[in-house]
PDB file of N, CA and C in Angstrom:
ATOM      1  N   MET A   1     -27.238-107.267-144.429  1.00  0.00           N
ATOM      2  CA  MET A   1     -27.523-105.705-145.051  1.00  0.00           C
ATOM      3  C   MET A   1     -28.589-105.012-144.585  1.00  0.00           C
ATOM      4  N   THR A   2     -29.539-105.587-144.568  1.00  0.00           N
ATOM      5  CA  THR A   2     -30.985-104.532-144.267  1.00  0.00           C
ATOM      6  C   THR A   2     -30.690-104.219-142.672  1.00  0.00           C
ATOM      7  N   ASP A   3     -30.283-105.497-141.508  1.00  0.00           N
ATOM      8  CA  ASP A   3     -30.027-105.248-140.394  1.00  0.00           C
ATOM      9  C   ASP A   3     -29.122-104.305-140.149  1.00  0.00           C
ATOM     10  N   PHE A   4     -28.022-103.966-141.025  1.00  0.00           N
ATOM     11  CA  PHE A   4     -26.950-102.931-140.835  1.00  0.00           C
ATOM     12  C   PHE A   4     -27.264-101.805-140.777  1.00  0.00           C
ATOM     13  N   GLN A   5     -27.904-101.580-142.219  1.00  0.00           N
ATOM     14  CA  GLN A   5     -28.388-100.291-142.600  1.00  0.00           C
ATOM     15  C   GLN A   5     -29.539 -99.641-141.896  1.00  0.00           C
ATOM     16  N   LYS A   6     -30.590-100.526-141.264  1.00  0.00           N
ATOM     17  CA  LYS A   6     -31.696-100.109-139.927  1.00  0.00           C
ATOM     18  C   LYS A   6     -31.387-100.044-138.835  1.00  0.00           C
ATOM     19  N   LEU A   7     -30.383-100.985-138.152  1.00  0.00           N
ATOM     20  CA  LEU A   7     -30.016-100.752-136.916  1.00  0.00           C
ATOM     21  C   LEU A   7     -28.997-100.290-136.291  1.00  0.00           C
ATOM     22  N   LEU A   8     -28.078-100.335-137.103  1.00  0.00           N
ATOM     23  CA  LEU A   8     -26.582 -99.757-136.936  1.00  0.00           C
ATOM     24  C   LEU A   8     -26.130 -98.345-137.386  1.00  0.00           C
ATOM     25  N   MET A   9     -26.427 -98.501-138.711  1.00  0.00           N
ATOM     26  CA  MET A   9     -26.206 -96.933-139.117  1.00  0.00           C
ATOM     27  C   MET A   9     -26.937 -95.454-138.512  1.00  0.00           C
ATOM     28  N   PRO A  10     -28.127 -95.752-137.846  1.00  0.00           N
ATOM     29  CA  PRO A  10     -28.581 -94.397-137.446  1.00  0.00           C
ATOM     30  C   PRO A  10     -27.770 -94.150-136.138  1.00  0.00           C
ATOM     31  N   GLY A  11     -27.075 -94.937-135.868  1.00  0.00           N
ATOM     32  CA  GLY A  11     -26.521 -94.764-134.305  1.00  0.00           C
ATOM     33  C   GLY A  11     -24.949 -94.473-134.413  1.00  0.00           C
ATOM     34  N   VAL A  12     -24.633 -94.693-136.043  1.00  0.00           N
ATOM     35  CA  VAL A  12     -23.211 -94.734-135.891  1.00  0.00           C
ATOM     36  C   VAL A  12     -22.976 -92.844-136.128  1.00  0.00           C
ATOM     37  N   VAL A  13     -22.071 -92.118-135.510  1.00  0.00           N
ATOM     38  CA  VAL A  13     -21.546 -90.995-135.609  1.00  0.00           C
ATOM     39  C   VAL A  13     -20.871 -90.770-136.872  1.00  0.00           C
ATOM     40  N   HIS A  14     -21.323 -90.056-138.386  1.00  0.00           N
ATOM     41  CA  HIS A  14     -20.827 -90.142-139.394  1.00  0.00           C
ATOM     42  C   HIS A  14     -19.943 -89.029-139.529  1.00  0.00           C
ATOM     43  N   TRP A  15     -18.431 -89.776-139.166  1.00  0.00           N
ATOM     44  CA  TRP A  15     -16.938 -88.778-139.235  1.00  0.00           C
ATOM     45  C   TRP A  15     -17.130 -87.979-140.525  1.00  0.00           C
ATOM     46  N   GLN A  16     -17.119 -89.071-141.453  1.00  0.00           N
ATOM     47  CA  GLN A  16     -17.076 -88.638-143.078  1.00  0.00           C
ATOM     48  C   GLN A  16     -17.860 -87.413-143.717  1.00  0.00           C
ATOM     49  N   ALA A  17     -18.669 -86.942-142.652  1.00  0.00           N
ATOM     50  CA  ALA A  17     -20.116 -86.063-143.345  1.00  0.00           C
ATOM     51  C   ALA A  17     -19.175 -85.018-143.791  1.00  0.00           C
ATOM     52  N   PRO A  18     -19.466 -84.088-144.887  1.00  0.00           N
ATOM     53  CA  PRO A  18     -18.544 -82.812-144.801  1.00  0.00           C
ATOM     54  C   PRO A  18     -18.545 -81.757-143.981  1.00  0.00           C
ATOM     55  N   LYS A  19     -19.855 -81.541-143.372  1.00  0.00           N
ATOM     56  CA  LYS A  19     -20.015 -80.692-142.026  1.00  0.00           C
ATOM     57  C   LYS A  19     -19.629 -81.285-140.731  1.00  0.00           C
ATOM     58  N   PHE A  20     -18.646 -82.087-140.648  1.00  0.00           N
ATOM     59  CA  PHE A  20     -18.705 -82.910-139.331  1.00  0.00           C
ATOM     60  C   PHE A  20     -17.333 -82.568-139.223  1.00  0.00           C
ATOM     61  N   PHE A  21     -16.747 -81.643-138.242  1.00  0.00           N
ATOM     62  CA  PHE A  21     -15.781 -81.272-138.099  1.00  0.00           C
ATOM     63  C   PHE A  21     -15.176 -81.295-136.505  1.00  0.00           C
ATOM     64  N   ALA A  22     -16.008 -82.182-135.303  1.00  0.00           N
ATOM     65  CA  ALA A  22     -15.762 -82.113-134.069  1.00  0.00           C
ATOM     66  C   ALA A  22     -14.647 -82.835-133.796  1.00  0.00           C
ATOM     67  N   TYR A  23     -14.140 -83.805-134.280  1.00  0.00           N
ATOM     68  CA  TYR A  23     -13.218 -84.496-134.379  1.00  0.00           C
ATOM     69  C   TYR A  23     -12.082 -84.793-135.123  1.00  0.00           C
ATOM     70  N   PHE A  24     -12.397 -85.010-136.326  1.00  0.00           N
ATOM     71  CA  PHE A  24     -11.122 -85.216-137.184  1.00  0.00           C
ATOM     72  C   PHE A  24     -12.082 -85.024-138.660  1.00  0.00           C
ATOM     73  N   SER A  25     -11.502 -84.159-139.536  1.00  0.00           N
ATOM     74  CA  SER A  25     -12.018 -83.927-140.721  1.00  0.00           C
ATOM     75  C   SER A  25     -12.046 -85.375-141.465  1.00  0.00           C
ATOM     76  N   ALA A  26     -12.845 -85.715-142.446  1.00  0.00           N
ATOM     77  CA  ALA A  26     -12.567 -86.417-143.788  1.00  0.00           C
ATOM     78  C   ALA A  26     -11.599 -87.407-143.663  1.00  0.00           C
ATOM     79  N   ASN A  27     -11.294 -88.474-142.834  1.00  0.00           N
ATOM     80  CA  ASN A  27     -10.414 -89.223-142.423  1.00  0.00           C
ATOM     81  C   ASN A  27     -10.151 -90.202-143.526  1.00  0.00           C
ATOM     82  N   SER A  28     -10.705 -90.731-144.350  1.00  0.00           N
ATOM     83  CA  SER A  28     -10.781 -92.044-145.258  1.00  0.00           C
ATOM     84  C   SER A  28     -10.452 -91.632-146.777  1.00  0.00           C
ATOM     85  N   SER A  29      -9.946 -92.216-147.146  1.00  0.00           N
ATOM     86  CA  SER A  29     -10.045 -92.139-148.805  1.00  0.00           C
ATOM     87  C   SER A  29      -9.939 -93.578-149.458  1.00  0.00           C
ATOM     88  N   TYR A  30      -9.818 -93.542-150.420  1.00  0.00           N
ATOM     89  CA  TYR A  30     -10.177 -94.491-151.426  1.00  0.00           C
ATOM     90  C   TYR A  30      -9.215 -95.896-151.210  1.00  0.00           C
ATOM     91  N   PRO A  31      -7.774 -95.052-151.179  1.00  0.00           N
ATOM     92  CA  PRO A  31      -6.838 -96.211-151.431  1.00  0.00           C
ATOM     93  C   PRO A  31      -6.483 -96.784-149.431  1.00  0.00           C
ATOM     94  N   GLY A  32      -7.201 -95.626-148.634  1.00  0.00           N
ATOM     95  CA  GLY A  32      -7.259 -96.392-147.515  1.00  0.00           C
ATOM     96  C   GLY A  32      -8.246 -97.532-147.055  1.00  0.00           C
ATOM     97  N   MET A  33      -9.566 -96.992-147.716  1.00  0.00           N
ATOM     98  CA  MET A  33     -10.224 -98.422-147.747  1.00  0.00           C
ATOM     99  C   MET A  33     -10.049 -99.395-148.435  1.00  0.00           C
ATOM    100  N   LEU A  34      -9.307 -99.600-149.843  1.00  0.00           N
ATOM    101  CA  LEU A  34      -8.621-100.411-150.362  1.00  0.00           C
ATOM    102  C   LEU A  34      -7.990-101.578-149.480  1.00  0.00           C
ATOM    103  N   ALA A  35      -6.669-100.746-148.716  1.00  0.00           N
ATOM    104  CA  ALA A  35      -5.972-101.438-147.757  1.00  0.00           C
ATOM    105  C   ALA A  35      -6.441-101.819-146.804  1.00  0.00           C
ATOM    106  N   GLU A  36      -7.794-101.382-146.053  1.00  0.00           N
ATOM    107  CA  GLU A  36      -8.208-101.836-145.334  1.00  0.00           C
ATOM    108  C   GLU A  36      -9.313-103.083-145.737  1.00  0.00           C
ATOM    109  N   MET A  37      -9.766-103.133-146.755  1.00  0.00           N
ATOM    110  CA  MET A  37     -10.543-104.463-147.312  1.00  0.00           C
ATOM    111  C   MET A  37      -9.325-105.285-147.280  1.00  0.00           C
ATOM    112  N   LEU A  38      -8.228-105.035-147.855  1.00  0.00           N
ATOM    113  CA  LEU A  38      -7.094-106.314-148.196  1.00  0.00           C
ATOM    114  C   LEU A  38      -7.044-106.558-146.894  1.00  0.00           C
ATOM    115  N   MET A  39      -6.269-105.676-145.762  1.00  0.00           N
ATOM    116  CA  MET A  39      -5.658-106.736-144.589  1.00  0.00           C
ATOM    117  C   MET A  39      -7.339-107.647-144.097  1.00  0.00           C
ATOM    118  N   SER A  40      -8.549-106.747-144.294  1.00  0.00           N
ATOM    119  CA  SER A  40      -9.396-107.562-143.245  1.00  0.00           C
ATOM    120  C   SER A  40      -9.578-109.081-144.211  1.00  0.00           C
ATOM    121  N   ALA A  41      -9.320-109.019-145.322  1.00  0.00           N
ATOM    122  CA  ALA A  41      -9.551-109.933-146.181  1.00  0.00           C
ATOM    123  C   ALA A  41      -8.349-111.439-145.735  1.00  0.00           C
ATOM    124  N   THR A  42      -7.502-110.694-145.391  1.00  0.00           N
ATOM    125  CA  THR A  42      -6.115-111.704-144.823  1.00  0.00           C
ATOM    126  C   THR A  42      -6.275-112.142-143.771  1.00  0.00           C
ATOM    127  N   ASN A  43      -7.018-111.606-142.922  1.00  0.00           N
ATOM    128  CA  ASN A  43      -7.254-111.966-141.920  1.00  0.00           C
ATOM    129  C   ASN A  43      -5.997-112.072-141.043  1.00  0.00           C
ATOM    130  N   MET A  44      -5.069-111.011-140.711  1.00  0.00           N
ATOM    131  CA  MET A  44      -3.706-111.274-140.136  1.00  0.00           C
ATOM    132  C   MET A  44      -4.152-110.543-138.651  1.00  0.00           C
ATOM    133  N   ILE A  45      -3.494-110.975-137.969  1.00  0.00           N
ATOM    134  CA  ILE A  45      -3.127-110.597-136.473  1.00  0.00           C
ATOM    135  C   ILE A  45      -1.691-109.710-136.230  1.00  0.00           C
ATOM    136  N   GLY A  46      -1.830-108.608-136.381  1.00  0.00           N
ATOM    137  CA  GLY A  46      -0.121-107.849-136.290  1.00  0.00           C
ATOM    138  C   GLY A  46      -0.046-107.376-135.011  1.00  0.00           C
ATOM    139  N   PHE A  47       0.345-108.149-134.191  1.00  0.00           N
ATOM    140  CA  PHE A  47       0.602-107.644-132.530  1.00  0.00           C
ATOM    141  C   PHE A  47       2.066-108.116-132.075  1.00  0.00           C
ATOM    142  N   SER A  48       2.452-108.746-133.332  1.00  0.00           N
ATOM    143  CA  SER A  48       3.941-108.914-133.012  1.00  0.00           C
ATOM    144  C   SER A  48       4.568-110.104-134.193  1.00  0.00           C
ATOM    145  N   TRP A  49       5.917-109.614-134.245  1.00  0.00           N
ATOM    146  CA  TRP A  49       6.443-110.257-135.375  1.00  0.00           C
ATOM    147  C   TRP A  49       6.018-111.797-135.879  1.00  0.00           C
ATOM    148  N   THR A  50       6.040-112.460-134.521  1.00  0.00           N
ATOM    149  CA  THR A  50       6.119-114.001-134.590  1.00  0.00           C
ATOM    150  C   THR A  50       4.411-114.287-135.315  1.00  0.00           C
ATOM    151  N   SER A  51       3.300-113.729-134.785  1.00  0.00           N
ATOM    152  CA  SER A  51       1.816-113.337-135.496  1.00  0.00           C
ATOM    153  C   SER A  51       1.741-113.562-136.915  1.00  0.00           C
ATOM    154  N   SER A  52       2.598-112.494-137.180  1.00  0.00           N
ATOM    155  CA  SER A  52       2.417-111.903-138.593  1.00  0.00           C
ATOM    156  C   SER A  52       3.794-111.257-139.049  1.00  0.00           C
ATOM    157  N   PRO A  53       4.763-112.155-139.324  1.00  0.00           N
ATOM    158  CA  PRO A  53       6.496-111.352-139.978  1.00  0.00           C
ATOM    159  C   PRO A  53       5.978-110.717-141.442  1.00  0.00           C
ATOM    160  N   VAL A  54       4.935-111.004-142.374  1.00  0.00           N
ATOM    161  CA  VAL A  54       4.830-109.796-142.972  1.00  0.00           C
ATOM    162  C   VAL A  54       4.115-108.601-142.448  1.00  0.00           C
ATOM    163  N   GLY A  55       3.250-108.632-142.056  1.00  0.00           N
ATOM    164  CA  GLY A  55       2.420-107.300-141.709  1.00  0.00           C
ATOM    165  C   GLY A  55       3.764-106.380-140.962  1.00  0.00           C
ATOM    166  N   THR A  56       4.844-107.213-139.703  1.00  0.00           N
ATOM    167  CA  THR A  56       5.450-106.672-139.380  1.00  0.00           C
ATOM    168  C   THR A  56       6.617-106.291-140.440  1.00  0.00           C
ATOM    169  N   GLU A  57       7.167-106.385-141.223  1.00  0.00           N
ATOM    170  CA  GLU A  57       7.885-106.483-142.256  1.00  0.00           C
ATOM    171  C   GLU A  57       6.923-104.979-142.731  1.00  0.00           C
ATOM    172  N   LEU A  58       6.001-105.177-143.261  1.00  0.00           N
ATOM    173  CA  LEU A  58       5.530-103.633-143.912  1.00  0.00           C
ATOM    174  C   LEU A  58       5.438-102.729-143.309  1.00  0.00           C
ATOM    175  N   GLU A  59       5.318-102.607-141.804  1.00  0.00           N
ATOM    176  CA  GLU A  59       4.917-101.564-141.247  1.00  0.00           C
ATOM    177  C   GLU A  59       6.178-101.237-140.844  1.00  0.00           C
ATOM    178  N   MET A  60       7.493-101.617-140.958  1.00  0.00           N
ATOM    179  CA  MET A  60       8.816-101.221-141.038  1.00  0.00           C
ATOM    180  C   MET A  60       9.076-100.692-142.508  1.00  0.00           C
ATOM    181  N   VAL A  61       8.581-100.469-143.733  1.00  0.00           N
ATOM    182  CA  VAL A  61       9.195-100.287-144.878  1.00  0.00           C
ATOM    183  C   VAL A  61       8.162 -98.939-144.913  1.00  0.00           C
ATOM    184  N   MET A  62       6.741 -99.192-144.473  1.00  0.00           N
ATOM    185  CA  MET A  62       6.297 -97.753-144.441  1.00  0.00           C
ATOM    186  C   MET A  62       6.620 -96.915-143.476  1.00  0.00           C
ATOM    187  N   MET A  63       6.825 -97.301-142.192  1.00  0.00           N
ATOM    188  CA  MET A  63       7.843 -96.338-141.215  1.00  0.00           C
ATOM    189  C   MET A  63       9.006 -95.323-141.967  1.00  0.00           C
ATOM    190  N   ASP A  64       9.737 -96.293-142.629  1.00  0.00           N
ATOM    191  CA  ASP A  64      10.449 -95.793-143.458  1.00  0.00           C
ATOM    192  C   ASP A  64      10.553 -94.592-144.170  1.00  0.00           C
ATOM    193  N   TRP A  65       9.427 -95.149-145.249  1.00  0.00           N
ATOM    194  CA  TRP A  65       8.890 -94.191-146.203  1.00  0.00           C
ATOM    195  C   TRP A  65       7.947 -92.887-145.522  1.00  0.00           C
ATOM    196  N   LEU A  66       7.764 -93.353-144.309  1.00  0.00           N
ATOM    197  CA  LEU A  66       7.206 -91.806-143.418  1.00  0.00           C
ATOM    198  C   LEU A  66       8.391 -91.432-142.843  1.00  0.00           C
ATOM    199  N   ALA A  67       9.042 -91.853-142.363  1.00  0.00           N
ATOM    200  CA  ALA A  67      10.411 -91.034-142.108  1.00  0.00           C
ATOM    201  C   ALA A  67      10.973 -90.088-143.213  1.00  0.00           C
ATOM    202  N   GLU A  68      10.964 -90.650-144.283  1.00  0.00           N
ATOM    203  CA  GLU A  68      11.745 -89.706-145.542  1.00  0.00           C
ATOM    204  C   GLU A  68      10.985 -88.947-146.015  1.00  0.00           C
ATOM    205  N   LEU A  69       9.846 -89.066-145.863  1.00  0.00           N
ATOM    206  CA  LEU A  69       8.677 -88.000-146.139  1.00  0.00           C
ATOM    207  C   LEU A  69       8.640 -86.572-145.179  1.00  0.00           C
ATOM    208  N   VAL A  70       8.780 -86.946-143.840  1.00  0.00           N
ATOM    209  CA  VAL A  70       8.914 -85.996-142.865  1.00  0.00           C
ATOM    210  C   VAL A  70      10.542 -85.337-142.925  1.00  0.00           C
ATOM    211  N   GLY A  71      11.384 -86.133-143.483  1.00  0.00           N
ATOM    212  CA  GLY A  71      12.856 -85.365-143.711  1.00  0.00           C
ATOM    213  C   GLY A  71      13.776 -86.044-142.272  1.00  0.00           C
ATOM    214  N   LEU A  72      13.270 -87.341-141.340  1.00  0.00           N
ATOM    215  CA  LEU A  72      13.800 -87.870-140.465  1.00  0.00           C
ATOM    216  C   LEU A  72      15.257 -88.192-141.044  1.00  0.00           C
ATOM    217  N   PRO A  73      16.274 -87.628-139.975  1.00  0.00           N
ATOM    218  CA  PRO A  73      17.732 -88.569-140.219  1.00  0.00           C
ATOM    219  C   PRO A  73      17.594 -89.789-140.160  1.00  0.00           C
ATOM    220  N   ALA A  74      18.622 -90.500-141.234  1.00  0.00           N
ATOM    221  CA  ALA A  74      18.543 -92.252-141.652  1.00  0.00           C
ATOM    222  C   ALA A  74      18.283 -93.264-140.334  1.00  0.00           C
ATOM    223  N   CYS A  75      19.162 -91.965-138.834  1.00  0.00           N
ATOM    224  CA  CYS A  75      19.161 -93.274-137.700  1.00  0.00           C
ATOM    225  C   CYS A  75      17.486 -93.456-137.446  1.00  0.00           C
ATOM    226  N   PHE A  76      16.400 -92.833-137.901  1.00  0.00           N
ATOM    227  CA  PHE A  76      15.505 -93.302-137.389  1.00  0.00           C
ATOM    228  C   PHE A  76      14.862 -94.112-138.264  1.00  0.00           C
ATOM    229  N   LYS A  77      15.523 -94.919-139.412  1.00  0.00           N
ATOM    230  CA  LYS A  77      14.957 -95.533-140.513  1.00  0.00           C
ATOM    231  C   LYS A  77      15.363 -97.161-140.170  1.00  0.00           C
ATOM    232  N   PHE A  78      14.778 -98.145-140.632  1.00  0.00           N
ATOM    233  CA  PHE A  78      14.886 -99.610-140.102  1.00  0.00           C
ATOM    234  C   PHE A  78      16.038 -99.999-141.305  1.00  0.00           C
ATOM    235  N   THR A  79      15.725 -99.002-141.900  1.00  0.00           N
ATOM    236  CA  THR A  79      17.155-100.224-143.317  1.00  0.00           C
ATOM    237  C   THR A  79      18.255 -99.098-143.117  1.00  0.00           C
ATOM    238  N   SER A  80      18.415 -98.394-142.156  1.00  0.00           N
ATOM    239  CA  SER A  80      19.771 -97.697-142.140  1.00  0.00           C
ATOM    240  C   SER A  80      20.675 -98.812-141.187  1.00  0.00           C
ATOM    241  N   GLY A  81      19.581 -99.589-140.583  1.00  0.00           N
ATOM    242  CA  GLY A  81      20.445-100.286-139.268  1.00  0.00           C
ATOM    243  C   GLY A  81      20.544 -99.897-138.187  1.00  0.00           C
ATOM    244  N   GLY A  82      19.853 -98.505-138.193  1.00  0.00           N
ATOM    245  CA  GLY A  82      19.231 -97.703-136.802  1.00  0.00           C
ATOM    246  C   GLY A  82      18.525 -98.308-136.202  1.00  0.00           C
ATOM    247  N   PRO A  83      18.109 -97.890-134.842  1.00  0.00           N
ATOM    248  CA  PRO A  83      16.970 -98.541-134.077  1.00  0.00           C
ATOM    249  C   PRO A  83      15.749 -98.119-134.321  1.00  0.00           C
ATOM    250  N   GLY A  84      15.455 -97.379-135.658  1.00  0.00           N
ATOM    251  CA  GLY A  84      14.426 -97.088-135.644  1.00  0.00           C
ATOM    252  C   GLY A  84      13.406 -98.369-136.877  1.00  0.00           C
ATOM    253  N   GLY A  85      12.209 -98.029-137.060  1.00  0.00           N
ATOM    254  CA  GLY A  85      11.571 -98.535-137.799  1.00  0.00           C
ATOM    255  C   GLY A  85      10.539 -99.040-137.429  1.00  0.00           C
ATOM    256  N   GLY A  86       9.378 -98.684-137.562  1.00  0.00           N
ATOM    257  CA  GLY A  86       7.864 -99.446-137.171  1.00  0.00           C
ATOM    258  C   GLY A  86       7.352 -99.103-135.859  1.00  0.00           C
ATOM    259  N   THR A  87       7.828 -97.641-135.525  1.00  0.00           N
ATOM    260  CA  THR A  87       7.428 -97.531-134.455  1.00  0.00           C
ATOM    261  C   THR A  87       7.364 -95.755-134.464  1.00  0.00           C
ATOM    262  N   ILE A  88       5.573 -95.357-133.891  1.00  0.00           N
ATOM    263  CA  ILE A  88       5.840 -94.304-133.837  1.00  0.00           C
ATOM    264  C   ILE A  88       5.745 -93.566-132.732  1.00  0.00           C
ATOM    265  N   GLN A  89       6.771 -92.420-132.152  1.00  0.00           N
ATOM    266  CA  GLN A  89       6.854 -91.992-130.786  1.00  0.00           C
ATOM    267  C   GLN A  89       6.437 -90.571-131.157  1.00  0.00           C
TER     268      GLN A  89
END
């Protein structure tokens, strides 16, 4: 941790600083940090259904939630039997 603080942190672009708006403003949250910690702990490689069926199915459910949140029609949802689910284009 000493090496991390001393050697790496000085060179990190501090995107979460309150006055740093060059790219994206404060894009992390406690739920996001918790989700990242849990995903890192499981060490899943989620690039295909074969490598991570649970990760792929979770992504499909999340994309359905997102489609519902933004008011997309049912054909964009995985659960509707349509071609949607798991992809943002």
